[in-house]
Every structure is written in C-alpha cells, then in structure tokens.
C-alpha cells in the first residue's frame, strides 16, 4: 500500500490580514525556534502557538527571501469562523493544468539545483518561482509528475529552466533542460528533513486533506491575477489551504518553508493522459530514459546505470567530470 506524507505537493508552497494587532506581534513557539523571526502573517503553525492561529493568520505570500519583511502579504478579511463549506478535495487521478508556485527548499548547492522542501525552517532556503502542470495517477502507476518552467534568483546563473519531475514510490527523478541543449537529471530518494538516516518518502497521497482543520472563511486577494475570492481557510501544522466553499477545490496553498501554490480556477480536471507516465511501469521497475546511462542526460547526478537513485554515500556520476565541474561549466555557459 502506498504511504503518505504531510508536505504539500511540491511542493512544496500571501499578503496582509485583518486581526487583532497583538496577535501579529507574537511570533511564536515553533518547534524549530522560528529562526528567521517571521511574524504570524507569514507563519502561524496550527500547533505550538499561543494564542492559537486564527482568521487571516499564516497566509504568507510572494517572497524570494528568508528576510522577514521581504514578502507581499495579500489583503485578507475574516468572514466567519463556523459552518465551513465542502471539505477540501484532492484526487487519485487528475490533471492540474496551471499552478503558479514559489518552491521553497533547503539550499544545498549554489544554484539551488537540488532544493527540496524540508520539515524545518532553519538555515538558508532557496526560492524558485515556477509555473507547473501537475499530473497525478495513484490508480495505475502510483506516481505524480510535475512539468515546471522555473525562473528567478535561484536560477540566475542560467536563466529560465524547464524541468520534469517524477515521484514514484520512494524514487524521484528531476530532469532540468538547460541552455545550449544541456540536460541534467538528478536521481534521488527525498528524505524528511534531508536526513540520510531516514528512509525515502512517498508522494503525497490523495487523502492528505483529511488532516486539515477549518480555520475561517475569509475574503482573500489571491495572487497571480486570480483576484478577490471568498474562500475557506484550512490548516494542519504549518500547512495552510484555501478552498472554494461550494466545490472544495483548492485555490491556494502556503507553507512558509515549503512554498506557495496558486491553482487557477477552472484548471483542475479529473483523469489524465496515460502518455504522461509512459516511461514508468506500474511495478516501479522502470526509470525515465534520461536517468539511464544508455539514454541519459548530459549530466546524471546520483543515478545508477539503470536510472535509479544511488545509495546516499555513493558519489555523483557525470560523463568524465565531477559534479562541481559541471556546475562551474553551467556558470560559464
């Protein structure tokens, strides 16, 4: 049986609110100490806060920095704190054709090539704006696919980068299409908090929304041109989601150290094109072609010959050069 995780679909991951001023002044007793001193508008976990999080708190926003005040928080007006609409809806087989995102992940390399959302906010984070198509098949291939066009300061050394990410079982493949026809594929088993002592995690499952608690119905100015919407605000830990009260469909999600996600209304569709997962097998024994040595990318990082993630202690593999040299080459490109 497939397992589930508590992080938002990649990713991992916004504006000003109306609540009692005293609530904004108290930053909290988060488990990780809230090292960046984010206020309750940017971060308000569903647990560990006193007073507990209320309407228009923890809404986050568009940001490209850990610096506390470098964020655009959307206008928010509380409507009510009882009688929510339909509970949040996710699915086991669907396509989301336009997700505007800022992926927030741990900075482990200068160009943020391997940034992946973590379970704490400590340390330096990467902020990667991207527009995505999300495809989910938890009925046959038990996998999810993200097609992303990434931009912003995290990719400054090479400009815009298109990426394809597969997550099936405990394996994740990230292929970046770089300028000059260069491709880079990373084979990895994403681990909670990046802890190599822990087993790789599985894709977030369709029933993750069952964990969410109702916070309030709010009128929120949703980013990326979506505009003013009356939405139900739900939360679990540092994860927040805003849904259409009538349909339960998710419009907006925020997690302060995982990312921001805006689903344009009308872009959620049940079902998917089977071609999206043509390179994967239902038993999980086939890797994408660009991860394999025979048909692989210009640079393959942490990949075995047959395209699966190497054990954590093995070295990076590239065609005749170490990974550090590859990054230097990209900086010169």
C-alpha atoms as a PDB file:
ATOM      1  CA  UNK A   1       0.000   0.000   0.000  1.00  0.00           C
ATOM      2  CA  UNK A   2       1.216   3.492  -0.786  1.00  0.00           C
ATOM      3  CA  UNK A   3       2.284   5.595   2.147  1.00  0.00           C
ATOM      4  CA  UNK A   4       1.556   9.273   2.701  1.00  0.00           C
ATOM      5  CA  UNK A   5       3.437  12.363   3.813  1.00  0.00           C
ATOM      6  CA  UNK A   6       2.388  15.630   5.371  1.00  0.00           C
ATOM      7  CA  UNK A   7       4.094  18.077   2.981  1.00  0.00           C
ATOM      8  CA  UNK A   8       2.199  19.819   0.215  1.00  0.00           C
ATOM      9  CA  UNK A   9       2.689  18.588  -3.355  1.00  0.00           C
ATOM     10  CA  UNK A  10       5.782  20.258  -4.011  1.00  0.00           C
ATOM     11  CA  UNK A  11       5.968  21.353  -3.450  1.00  0.00           C
ATOM     12  CA  UNK A  12       6.245  22.484  -1.837  1.00  0.00           C
ATOM     13  CA  UNK A  13       4.306  26.313  -1.399  1.00  0.00           C
ATOM     14  CA  UNK A  14       0.476  35.624   0.956  1.00  0.00           C
ATOM     15  CA  UNK A  15      -0.483  39.080   1.865  1.00  0.00           C
ATOM     16  CA  UNK A  16      -1.856  41.458   4.564  1.00  0.00           C
ATOM     17  CA  UNK A  17      -4.502  40.435   7.024  1.00  0.00           C
ATOM     18  CA  UNK A  18      -7.023  41.876   9.457  1.00  0.00           C
ATOM     19  CA  UNK A  19      -6.793  40.534  13.014  1.00  0.00           C
ATOM     20  CA  UNK A  20      -6.054  41.902  16.483  1.00  0.00           C
ATOM     21  CA  UNK A  21      -2.698  43.703  16.358  1.00  0.00           C
ATOM     22  CA  UNK A  22      -1.375  41.923  19.420  1.00  0.00           C
ATOM     23  CA  UNK A  23      -1.539  38.611  17.573  1.00  0.00           C
ATOM     24  CA  UNK A  24       0.859  39.889  14.915  1.00  0.00           C
ATOM     25  CA  UNK A  25       3.442  40.929  17.496  1.00  0.00           C
ATOM     26  CA  UNK A  26       3.873  37.457  18.943  1.00  0.00           C
ATOM     27  CA  UNK A  27       5.999  35.316  16.699  1.00  0.00           C
ATOM     28  CA  UNK A  28       5.549  32.005  18.452  1.00  0.00           C
ATOM     29  CA  UNK A  29       6.988  28.904  19.977  1.00  0.00           C
ATOM     30  CA  UNK A  30       7.608  26.842  16.875  1.00  0.00           C
ATOM     31  CA  UNK A  31       9.478  23.581  17.262  1.00  0.00           C
ATOM     32  CA  UNK A  32      12.373  24.901  15.139  1.00  0.00           C
ATOM     33  CA  UNK A  33      12.563  28.213  17.001  1.00  0.00           C
ATOM     34  CA  UNK A  34      11.347  30.343  14.075  1.00  0.00           C
ATOM     35  CA  UNK A  35      14.962  31.378  13.314  1.00  0.00           C
ATOM     36  CA  UNK A  36      14.028  33.975  10.677  1.00  0.00           C
ATOM     37  CA  UNK A  37      11.618  35.762  13.068  1.00  0.00           C
ATOM     38  CA  UNK A  38       8.666  35.510  10.673  1.00  0.00           C
ATOM     39  CA  UNK A  39       5.518  37.126  12.079  1.00  0.00           C
ATOM     40  CA  UNK A  40       2.125  35.466  12.364  1.00  0.00           C
ATOM     41  CA  UNK A  41       1.046  36.660   8.941  1.00  0.00           C
ATOM     42  CA  UNK A  42       3.928  34.798   7.294  1.00  0.00           C
ATOM     43  CA  UNK A  43       3.977  31.821   9.637  1.00  0.00           C
ATOM     44  CA  UNK A  44       1.412  30.514  12.080  1.00  0.00           C
ATOM     45  CA  UNK A  45       1.513  26.775  12.721  1.00  0.00           C
ATOM     46  CA  UNK A  46      -1.695  25.061  13.674  1.00  0.00           C
ATOM     47  CA  UNK A  47       0.076  23.782  16.807  1.00  0.00           C
ATOM     48  CA  UNK A  48       2.584  25.394  19.172  1.00  0.00           C
ATOM     49  CA  UNK A  49       1.126  28.911  19.072  1.00  0.00           C
ATOM     50  CA  UNK A  50      -0.470  30.792  21.925  1.00  0.00           C
ATOM     51  CA  UNK A  51      -2.927  32.200  21.224  1.00  0.00           C
ATOM     52  CA  UNK A  52      -3.735  29.648  18.543  1.00  0.00           C
ATOM     53  CA  UNK A  53      -3.815  30.693  14.908  1.00  0.00           C
ATOM     54  CA  UNK A  54      -6.961  32.466  13.789  1.00  0.00           C
ATOM     55  CA  UNK A  55      -8.511  34.050  10.695  1.00  0.00           C
ATOM     56  CA  UNK A  56      -6.081  35.669   8.230  1.00  0.00           C
ATOM     57  CA  UNK A  57      -3.010  34.305  10.017  1.00  0.00           C
ATOM     58  CA  UNK A  58      -0.334  32.143   8.431  1.00  0.00           C
ATOM     59  CA  UNK A  59      -1.350  33.293   4.960  1.00  0.00           C
ATOM     60  CA  UNK A  60       2.165  34.021   3.684  1.00  0.00           C
ATOM     61  CA  UNK A  61       2.722  35.475   0.242  1.00  0.00           C
ATOM     62  CA  UNK A  62       5.008  36.064  -2.708  1.00  0.00           C
ATOM     63  CA  UNK A  63       8.593  36.157  -1.462  1.00  0.00           C
ATOM     64  CA  UNK A  64      12.090  35.384  -2.684  1.00  0.00           C
ATOM     65  CA  UNK A  65      13.929  35.713   0.619  1.00  0.00           C
ATOM     66  CA  UNK A  66      14.143  34.420   4.189  1.00  0.00           C
ATOM     67  CA  UNK A  67      14.212  38.050   5.381  1.00  0.00           C
ATOM     68  CA  UNK A  68      11.082  38.519   7.452  1.00  0.00           C
ATOM     69  CA  UNK A  69       9.712  41.700   5.873  1.00  0.00           C
ATOM     70  CA  UNK A  70      10.573  40.843   2.264  1.00  0.00           C
ATOM     71  CA  UNK A  71       7.194  39.360   1.439  1.00  0.00           C
ATOM     72  CA  UNK A  72       3.985  40.606  -0.161  1.00  0.00           C
ATOM     73  CA  UNK A  73       1.028  39.619   2.024  1.00  0.00           C
ATOM     74  CA  UNK A  74      -2.414  39.688   0.349  1.00  0.00           C
ATOM     75  CA  UNK A  75      -5.340  41.607   1.746  1.00  0.00           C
ATOM     76  CA  UNK A  76      -7.493  39.358   3.905  1.00  0.00           C
ATOM     77  CA  UNK A  77     -10.839  39.972   5.599  1.00  0.00           C
ATOM     78  CA  UNK A  78     -12.337  37.460   8.083  1.00  0.00           C
ATOM     79  CA  UNK A  79     -15.936  36.498   7.251  1.00  0.00           C
ATOM     80  CA  UNK A  80     -16.831  33.791   9.790  1.00  0.00           C
ATOM     81  CA  UNK A  81     -15.302  31.026  11.906  1.00  0.00           C
ATOM     82  CA  UNK A  82     -18.118  28.456  11.780  1.00  0.00           C
ATOM     83  CA  UNK A  83     -20.056  26.419   9.239  1.00  0.00           C
ATOM     84  CA  UNK A  84     -17.450  25.837   6.519  1.00  0.00           C
ATOM     85  CA  UNK A  85     -18.422  24.734   3.054  1.00  0.00           C
ATOM     86  CA  UNK A  86     -17.371  21.470   1.444  1.00  0.00           C
ATOM     87  CA  UNK A  87     -14.225  19.885   2.867  1.00  0.00           C
ATOM     88  CA  UNK A  88     -11.037  20.195   0.764  1.00  0.00           C
ATOM     89  CA  UNK A  89     -10.902  17.906  -2.257  1.00  0.00           C
ATOM     90  CA  UNK A  90      -7.798  16.272  -3.727  1.00  0.00           C
ATOM     91  CA  UNK A  91      -7.810  13.249  -6.016  1.00  0.00           C
ATOM     92  CA  UNK A  92      -6.160   9.990  -7.019  1.00  0.00           C
ATOM     93  CA  UNK A  93      -6.371  10.666 -10.761  1.00  0.00           C
ATOM     94  CA  UNK A  94      -6.329  14.237 -12.045  1.00  0.00           C
ATOM     95  CA  UNK A  95      -4.519  16.926 -14.024  1.00  0.00           C
ATOM     96  CA  UNK A  96      -3.942  20.495 -12.846  1.00  0.00           C
ATOM     97  CA  UNK A  97      -3.010  22.472 -15.941  1.00  0.00           C
ATOM     98  CA  UNK A  98      -1.811  25.709 -14.330  1.00  0.00           C
ATOM     99  CA  UNK A  99      -0.240  26.019 -10.917  1.00  0.00           C
ATOM    100  CA  UNK A 100       1.673  29.221 -10.148  1.00  0.00           C
ATOM    101  CA  UNK A 101       4.259  28.420  -7.493  1.00  0.00           C
ATOM    102  CA  UNK A 102       7.218  29.530  -5.471  1.00  0.00           C
ATOM    103  CA  UNK A 103       9.031  26.395  -4.368  1.00  0.00           C
ATOM    104  CA  UNK A 104      10.932  26.888  -1.115  1.00  0.00           C
ATOM    105  CA  UNK A 105      13.605  24.359  -0.226  1.00  0.00           C
ATOM    106  CA  UNK A 106      16.860  23.877   1.612  1.00  0.00           C
ATOM    107  CA  UNK A 107      19.887  25.454  -0.071  1.00  0.00           C
ATOM    108  CA  UNK A 108      22.391  22.628  -0.558  1.00  0.00           C
ATOM    109  CA  UNK A 109      24.182  23.896  -3.677  1.00  0.00           C
ATOM    110  CA  UNK A 110      24.979  27.393  -5.028  1.00  0.00           C
ATOM    111  CA  UNK A 111      22.469  27.261  -7.900  1.00  0.00           C
ATOM    112  CA  UNK A 112      19.666  25.583  -5.909  1.00  0.00           C
ATOM    113  CA  UNK A 113      19.589  22.710  -8.424  1.00  0.00           C
ATOM    114  CA  UNK A 114      18.716  20.178  -5.703  1.00  0.00           C
ATOM    115  CA  UNK A 115      16.483  22.313  -3.489  1.00  0.00           C
ATOM    116  CA  UNK A 116      13.737  20.238  -1.888  1.00  0.00           C
ATOM    117  CA  UNK A 117      11.208  21.312   0.760  1.00  0.00           C
ATOM    118  CA  UNK A 118      12.242  20.396   4.299  1.00  0.00           C
ATOM    119  CA  UNK A 119      10.441  19.921   7.593  1.00  0.00           C
ATOM    120  CA  UNK A 120      12.068  22.864   9.410  1.00  0.00           C
ATOM    121  CA  UNK A 121      12.805  26.495   8.502  1.00  0.00           C
ATOM    122  CA  UNK A 122      16.357  26.578   9.835  1.00  0.00           C
ATOM    123  CA  UNK A 123      19.285  27.508   7.583  1.00  0.00           C
ATOM    124  CA  UNK A 124      19.211  29.242   4.212  1.00  0.00           C
ATOM    125  CA  UNK A 125      16.392  28.496   1.804  1.00  0.00           C
ATOM    126  CA  UNK A 126      16.051  28.654  -1.978  1.00  0.00           C
ATOM    127  CA  UNK A 127      13.065  30.416  -3.541  1.00  0.00           C
ATOM    128  CA  UNK A 128      12.210  29.186  -7.048  1.00  0.00           C
ATOM    129  CA  UNK A 129       9.270  30.767  -8.944  1.00  0.00           C
ATOM    130  CA  UNK A 130       7.713  28.338 -11.403  1.00  0.00           C
ATOM    131  CA  UNK A 131       4.589  27.647 -13.424  1.00  0.00           C
ATOM    132  CA  UNK A 132       3.605  23.988 -13.356  1.00  0.00           C
ATOM    133  CA  UNK A 133       1.385  21.319 -14.811  1.00  0.00           C
ATOM    134  CA  UNK A 134       0.649  18.657 -12.198  1.00  0.00           C
ATOM    135  CA  UNK A 135      -0.436  15.142 -13.215  1.00  0.00           C
ATOM    136  CA  UNK A 136      -1.416  12.512 -10.641  1.00  0.00           C
ATOM    137  CA  UNK A 137      -2.063   8.792 -11.177  1.00  0.00           C
ATOM    138  CA  UNK A 138      -2.439   6.876  -7.927  1.00  0.00           C
ATOM    139  CA  UNK A 139      -4.584   4.189  -9.575  1.00  0.00           C
ATOM    140  CA  UNK A 140      -2.196   2.533 -12.069  1.00  0.00           C
ATOM    141  CA  UNK A 141       1.344   3.981 -11.939  1.00  0.00           C
ATOM    142  CA  UNK A 142       1.097   5.301  -8.352  1.00  0.00           C
ATOM    143  CA  UNK A 143       3.079   8.359  -9.372  1.00  0.00           C
ATOM    144  CA  UNK A 144       2.912  12.093  -9.784  1.00  0.00           C
ATOM    145  CA  UNK A 145       4.539  14.263 -12.449  1.00  0.00           C
ATOM    146  CA  UNK A 146       5.347  17.954 -12.405  1.00  0.00           C
ATOM    147  CA  UNK A 147       6.230  19.864 -15.578  1.00  0.00           C
ATOM    148  CA  UNK A 148       7.724  23.170 -14.480  1.00  0.00           C
ATOM    149  CA  UNK A 149       9.070  26.314 -16.065  1.00  0.00           C
ATOM    150  CA  UNK A 150      11.337  27.806 -13.404  1.00  0.00           C
ATOM    151  CA  UNK A 151      12.755  31.294 -13.148  1.00  0.00           C
ATOM    152  CA  UNK A 152      14.006  33.778 -10.579  1.00  0.00           C
ATOM    153  CA  UNK A 153      17.102  34.365  -8.475  1.00  0.00           C
ATOM    154  CA  UNK A 154      17.623  30.662  -7.701  1.00  0.00           C
ATOM    155  CA  UNK A 155      18.277  30.010 -11.387  1.00  0.00           C
ATOM    156  CA  UNK A 156      20.125  33.266 -12.064  1.00  0.00           C
ATOM    157  CA  UNK A 157      23.253  31.574 -13.397  1.00  0.00           C
ATOM    158  CA  UNK A 158      21.435  30.029 -16.360  1.00  0.00           C
ATOM    159  CA  UNK A 159      18.134  31.903 -16.731  1.00  0.00           C
ATOM    160  CA  UNK A 160      14.821  30.097 -17.166  1.00  0.00           C
ATOM    161  CA  UNK A 161      14.903  26.311 -16.832  1.00  0.00           C
ATOM    162  CA  UNK A 162      12.205  23.830 -17.800  1.00  0.00           C
ATOM    163  CA  UNK A 163      12.044  20.764 -15.581  1.00  0.00           C
ATOM    164  CA  UNK A 164      10.202  17.465 -15.440  1.00  0.00           C
ATOM    165  CA  UNK A 165       9.876  15.796 -12.050  1.00  0.00           C
ATOM    166  CA  UNK A 166       8.600  12.276 -11.457  1.00  0.00           C
ATOM    167  CA  UNK A 167       7.894  10.875  -7.995  1.00  0.00           C
ATOM    168  CA  UNK A 168       7.001   7.192  -7.844  1.00  0.00           C
ATOM    169  CA  UNK A 169       7.304   5.125  -4.699  1.00  0.00           C
ATOM    170  CA  UNK A 170      10.443   6.220  -2.873  1.00  0.00           C
ATOM    171  CA  UNK A 171      12.172   7.385  -6.071  1.00  0.00           C
ATOM    172  CA  UNK A 172      12.264  10.893  -7.511  1.00  0.00           C
ATOM    173  CA  UNK A 173      13.745  11.971 -10.834  1.00  0.00           C
ATOM    174  CA  UNK A 174      14.369  15.642 -11.649  1.00  0.00           C
ATOM    175  CA  UNK A 175      15.395  16.495 -15.219  1.00  0.00           C
ATOM    176  CA  UNK A 176      16.407  20.082 -15.954  1.00  0.00           C
ATOM    177  CA  UNK A 177      16.563  21.306 -19.551  1.00  0.00           C
ATOM    178  CA  UNK A 178      19.251  23.986 -19.590  1.00  0.00           C
ATOM    179  CA  UNK A 179      20.520  26.376 -22.293  1.00  0.00           C
ATOM    180  CA  UNK A 180      22.730  25.081 -25.137  1.00  0.00           C
ATOM    181  CA  UNK A 181      20.866  21.758 -25.218  1.00  0.00           C
ATOM    182  CA  UNK A 182      22.311  20.647 -21.888  1.00  0.00           C
ATOM    183  CA  UNK A 183      20.201  18.324 -19.760  1.00  0.00           C
ATOM    184  CA  UNK A 184      20.758  17.387 -16.150  1.00  0.00           C
ATOM    185  CA  UNK A 185      18.966  14.542 -14.366  1.00  0.00           C
ATOM    186  CA  UNK A 186      19.070  14.064 -10.603  1.00  0.00           C
ATOM    187  CA  UNK A 187      18.061  10.685  -9.199  1.00  0.00           C
ATOM    188  CA  UNK A 188      17.145  10.893  -5.552  1.00  0.00           C
ATOM    189  CA  UNK A 189      15.142   9.424  -2.716  1.00  0.00           C
ATOM    190  CA  UNK A 190      13.736  12.517  -0.966  1.00  0.00           C
ATOM    191  CA  UNK A 191      14.039  12.215   2.804  1.00  0.00           C
ATOM    192  CA  UNK A 192      12.277  14.010   5.610  1.00  0.00           C
ATOM    193  CA  UNK A 193      14.435  16.964   6.578  1.00  0.00           C
ATOM    194  CA  UNK A 194      17.146  15.712   4.201  1.00  0.00           C
ATOM    195  CA  UNK A 195      18.165  13.184   6.865  1.00  0.00           C
ATOM    196  CA  UNK A 196      20.030  10.357   5.110  1.00  0.00           C
ATOM    197  CA  UNK A 197      19.403   8.097   8.105  1.00  0.00           C
ATOM    198  CA  UNK A 198      15.686   8.147   7.334  1.00  0.00           C
ATOM    199  CA  UNK A 199      14.064   6.150   4.522  1.00  0.00           C
ATOM    200  CA  UNK A 200      12.957   7.988   1.348  1.00  0.00           C
ATOM    201  CA  UNK A 201       9.412   9.292   1.441  1.00  0.00           C
ATOM    202  CA  UNK A 202       6.494   8.511  -0.860  1.00  0.00           C
ATOM    203  CA  UNK A 203       4.425  11.001  -2.914  1.00  0.00           C
ATOM    204  CA  UNK A 204       1.768  12.881  -1.016  1.00  0.00           C
ATOM    205  CA  UNK A 205      -1.434  10.843  -1.194  1.00  0.00           C
ATOM    206  CA  UNK A 206      -4.950  11.922  -2.134  1.00  0.00           C
ATOM    207  CA  UNK A 207      -6.229  11.646   1.443  1.00  0.00           C
ATOM    208  CA  UNK A 208      -3.760  14.175   2.917  1.00  0.00           C
ATOM    209  CA  UNK A 209      -6.606  16.704   3.008  1.00  0.00           C
ATOM    210  CA  UNK A 210      -8.332  14.618   5.712  1.00  0.00           C
ATOM    211  CA  UNK A 211      -5.803  16.045   8.191  1.00  0.00           C
ATOM    212  CA  UNK A 212      -6.856  19.660   7.649  1.00  0.00           C
ATOM    213  CA  UNK A 213      -8.758  21.652  10.289  1.00  0.00           C
ATOM    214  CA  UNK A 214     -11.109  24.533   9.485  1.00  0.00           C
ATOM    215  CA  UNK A 215      -9.806  27.971  10.496  1.00  0.00           C
ATOM    216  CA  UNK A 216     -12.208  30.500   8.974  1.00  0.00           C
ATOM    217  CA  UNK A 217     -13.994  31.709   5.880  1.00  0.00           C
ATOM    218  CA  UNK A 218     -12.068  34.693   4.524  1.00  0.00           C
ATOM    219  CA  UNK A 219     -12.172  37.193   1.676  1.00  0.00           C
ATOM    220  CA  UNK A 220      -8.666  36.988   0.184  1.00  0.00           C
ATOM    221  CA  UNK A 221      -6.937  38.776  -2.680  1.00  0.00           C
ATOM    222  CA  UNK A 222      -5.467  35.732  -4.406  1.00  0.00           C
ATOM    223  CA  UNK A 223      -2.206  36.257  -6.287  1.00  0.00           C
ATOM    224  CA  UNK A 224      -1.305  35.830  -9.983  1.00  0.00           C
ATOM    225  CA  UNK A 225      -4.394  37.667 -11.195  1.00  0.00           C
ATOM    226  CA  UNK A 226      -6.968  35.330  -9.627  1.00  0.00           C
ATOM    227  CA  UNK A 227      -8.354  38.265  -7.626  1.00  0.00           C
ATOM    228  CA  UNK A 228     -10.661  38.675  -4.649  1.00  0.00           C
ATOM    229  CA  UNK A 229     -12.272  35.418  -3.545  1.00  0.00           C
ATOM    230  CA  UNK A 230     -14.320  34.256  -0.548  1.00  0.00           C
ATOM    231  CA  UNK A 231     -12.564  31.042   0.472  1.00  0.00           C
ATOM    232  CA  UNK A 232     -12.474  28.585   3.341  1.00  0.00           C
ATOM    233  CA  UNK A 233      -9.127  28.576   5.163  1.00  0.00           C
ATOM    234  CA  UNK A 234      -7.879  25.188   6.429  1.00  0.00           C
ATOM    235  CA  UNK A 235      -4.655  24.283   8.224  1.00  0.00           C
ATOM    236  CA  UNK A 236      -2.561  21.460   9.638  1.00  0.00           C
ATOM    237  CA  UNK A 237       0.749  22.278  11.313  1.00  0.00           C
ATOM    238  CA  UNK A 238       2.460  24.940   9.144  1.00  0.00           C
ATOM    239  CA  UNK A 239       0.388  23.917   6.090  1.00  0.00           C
ATOM    240  CA  UNK A 240      -2.470  26.184   5.016  1.00  0.00           C
ATOM    241  CA  UNK A 241      -5.002  25.703   2.211  1.00  0.00           C
ATOM    242  CA  UNK A 242      -7.811  27.859   0.844  1.00  0.00           C
ATOM    243  CA  UNK A 243     -10.730  26.202  -0.917  1.00  0.00           C
ATOM    244  CA  UNK A 244     -13.845  27.096  -2.856  1.00  0.00           C
ATOM    245  CA  UNK A 245     -16.614  26.575  -0.270  1.00  0.00           C
ATOM    246  CA  UNK A 246     -19.008  25.231  -2.905  1.00  0.00           C
ATOM    247  CA  UNK A 247     -16.766  22.645  -4.588  1.00  0.00           C
ATOM    248  CA  UNK A 248     -13.996  22.040  -2.032  1.00  0.00           C
ATOM    249  CA  UNK A 249     -11.404  22.527  -4.794  1.00  0.00           C
ATOM    250  CA  UNK A 250      -8.134  24.026  -3.611  1.00  0.00           C
ATOM    251  CA  UNK A 251      -7.363  27.508  -4.933  1.00  0.00           C
ATOM    252  CA  UNK A 252      -4.339  28.433  -2.826  1.00  0.00           C
ATOM    253  CA  UNK A 253      -1.781  26.755  -0.547  1.00  0.00           C
ATOM    254  CA  UNK A 254       1.040  28.086   1.603  1.00  0.00           C
ATOM    255  CA  UNK A 255       3.694  26.551   3.812  1.00  0.00           C
ATOM    256  CA  UNK A 256       6.322  29.070   4.962  1.00  0.00           C
ATOM    257  CA  UNK A 257       9.338  26.853   4.287  1.00  0.00           C
ATOM    258  CA  UNK A 258       7.878  24.667   1.502  1.00  0.00           C
ATOM    259  CA  UNK A 259       6.204  27.132  -0.835  1.00  0.00           C
ATOM    260  CA  UNK A 260       3.244  28.969  -2.320  1.00  0.00           C
ATOM    261  CA  UNK A 261       0.827  27.389  -4.809  1.00  0.00           C
ATOM    262  CA  UNK A 262      -1.996  29.080  -6.698  1.00  0.00           C
ATOM    263  CA  UNK A 263      -4.305  26.919  -8.818  1.00  0.00           C
ATOM    264  CA  UNK A 264      -6.076  28.989 -11.427  1.00  0.00           C
ATOM    265  CA  UNK A 265      -9.848  28.396 -11.227  1.00  0.00           C
ATOM    266  CA  UNK A 266     -11.054  26.061 -13.974  1.00  0.00           C
ATOM    267  CA  UNK A 267      -7.704  24.297 -14.461  1.00  0.00           C
ATOM    268  CA  UNK A 268      -8.430  21.191 -12.346  1.00  0.00           C
ATOM    269  CA  UNK A 269      -9.558  18.205 -14.441  1.00  0.00           C
ATOM    270  CA  UNK A 270     -10.370  14.661 -13.391  1.00  0.00           C
ATOM    271  CA  UNK A 271      -8.348  11.987 -15.192  1.00  0.00           C
ATOM    272  CA  UNK A 272      -5.046  12.248 -17.062  1.00  0.00           C
ATOM    273  CA  UNK A 273      -3.336  11.414 -20.342  1.00  0.00           C
ATOM    274  CA  UNK A 274      -1.656   7.978 -19.897  1.00  0.00           C
ATOM    275  CA  UNK A 275       1.232   9.230 -22.051  1.00  0.00           C
ATOM    276  CA  UNK A 276       2.347  11.362 -19.092  1.00  0.00           C
ATOM    277  CA  UNK A 277       3.694   8.250 -17.379  1.00  0.00           C
ATOM    278  CA  UNK A 278       4.664   6.191 -20.439  1.00  0.00           C
ATOM    279  CA  UNK A 279       8.277   5.805 -19.243  1.00  0.00           C
ATOM    280  CA  UNK A 280       7.264   4.425 -15.844  1.00  0.00           C
ATOM    281  CA  UNK A 281       5.902   0.952 -15.108  1.00  0.00           C
ATOM    282  CA  UNK A 282       3.233   0.102 -12.581  1.00  0.00           C
ATOM    283  CA  UNK A 283       5.644  -2.096 -10.610  1.00  0.00           C
ATOM    284  CA  UNK A 284       8.149   0.753 -10.226  1.00  0.00           C
ATOM    285  CA  UNK A 285      10.953  -1.118 -12.015  1.00  0.00           C
ATOM    286  CA  UNK A 286      11.404   1.296 -14.928  1.00  0.00           C
ATOM    287  CA  UNK A 287      13.215   4.626 -14.657  1.00  0.00           C
ATOM    288  CA  UNK A 288      12.794   7.580 -17.051  1.00  0.00           C
ATOM    289  CA  UNK A 289      15.060   7.329 -20.102  1.00  0.00           C
ATOM    290  CA  UNK A 290      17.073  10.453 -19.264  1.00  0.00           C
ATOM    291  CA  UNK A 291      18.040   8.910 -15.929  1.00  0.00           C
ATOM    292  CA  UNK A 292      19.537   5.795 -17.544  1.00  0.00           C
ATOM    293  CA  UNK A 293      23.157   5.601 -18.669  1.00  0.00           C
ATOM    294  CA  UNK A 294      22.420   4.378 -22.186  1.00  0.00           C
ATOM    295  CA  UNK A 295      19.881   7.098 -22.992  1.00  0.00           C
ATOM    296  CA  UNK A 296      20.681   9.607 -20.277  1.00  0.00           C
ATOM    297  CA  UNK A 297      21.151  13.320 -19.811  1.00  0.00           C
ATOM    298  CA  UNK A 298      24.334  15.284 -20.375  1.00  0.00           C
ATOM    299  CA  UNK A 299      24.848  15.107 -16.630  1.00  0.00           C
ATOM    300  CA  UNK A 300      23.370  12.407 -14.419  1.00  0.00           C
ATOM    301  CA  UNK A 301      23.638  13.028 -10.697  1.00  0.00           C
ATOM    302  CA  UNK A 302      23.355  10.221  -8.145  1.00  0.00           C
ATOM    303  CA  UNK A 303      21.963   7.807 -10.757  1.00  0.00           C
ATOM    304  CA  UNK A 304      22.773   4.116 -11.190  1.00  0.00           C
ATOM    305  CA  UNK A 305      23.283   2.762 -14.719  1.00  0.00           C
ATOM    306  CA  UNK A 306      19.646   1.687 -14.877  1.00  0.00           C
ATOM    307  CA  UNK A 307      18.473   5.116 -13.730  1.00  0.00           C
ATOM    308  CA  UNK A 308      17.608   4.671 -10.074  1.00  0.00           C
ATOM    309  CA  UNK A 309      18.958   6.675  -7.120  1.00  0.00           C
ATOM    310  CA  UNK A 310      22.334   5.623  -5.780  1.00  0.00           C
ATOM    311  CA  UNK A 311      22.665   4.833  -2.088  1.00  0.00           C
ATOM    312  CA  UNK A 312      23.313   8.099  -0.180  1.00  0.00           C
ATOM    313  CA  UNK A 313      27.078   7.557   0.318  1.00  0.00           C
ATOM    314  CA  UNK A 314      27.935   6.944  -3.354  1.00  0.00           C
ATOM    315  CA  UNK A 315      29.484   9.709  -5.430  1.00  0.00           C
ATOM    316  CA  UNK A 316      27.866  11.806  -8.140  1.00  0.00           C
ATOM    317  CA  UNK A 317      28.257  10.403 -11.667  1.00  0.00           C
ATOM    318  CA  UNK A 318      28.826  12.632 -14.704  1.00  0.00           C
ATOM    319  CA  UNK A 319      30.370  11.834 -18.092  1.00  0.00           C
ATOM    320  CA  UNK A 320      34.049  12.271 -17.247  1.00  0.00           C
ATOM    321  CA  UNK A 321      33.779  15.137 -14.747  1.00  0.00           C
ATOM    322  CA  UNK A 322      32.722  15.604 -11.135  1.00  0.00           C
ATOM    323  CA  UNK A 323      29.501  17.429 -10.330  1.00  0.00           C
ATOM    324  CA  UNK A 324      31.328  20.536  -9.126  1.00  0.00           C
ATOM    325  CA  UNK A 325      32.950  20.928 -12.528  1.00  0.00           C
ATOM    326  CA  UNK A 326      29.562  20.581 -14.170  1.00  0.00           C
ATOM    327  CA  UNK A 327      28.138  23.455 -12.124  1.00  0.00           C
ATOM    328  CA  UNK A 328      31.155  25.590 -12.992  1.00  0.00           C
ATOM    329  CA  UNK A 329      30.610  24.851 -16.684  1.00  0.00           C
ATOM    330  CA  UNK A 330      26.980  25.935 -16.382  1.00  0.00           C
ATOM    331  CA  UNK A 331      28.051  29.180 -14.718  1.00  0.00           C
ATOM    332  CA  UNK A 332      30.215  29.947 -17.735  1.00  0.00           C
ATOM    333  CA  UNK A 333      27.536  28.947 -20.272  1.00  0.00           C
END
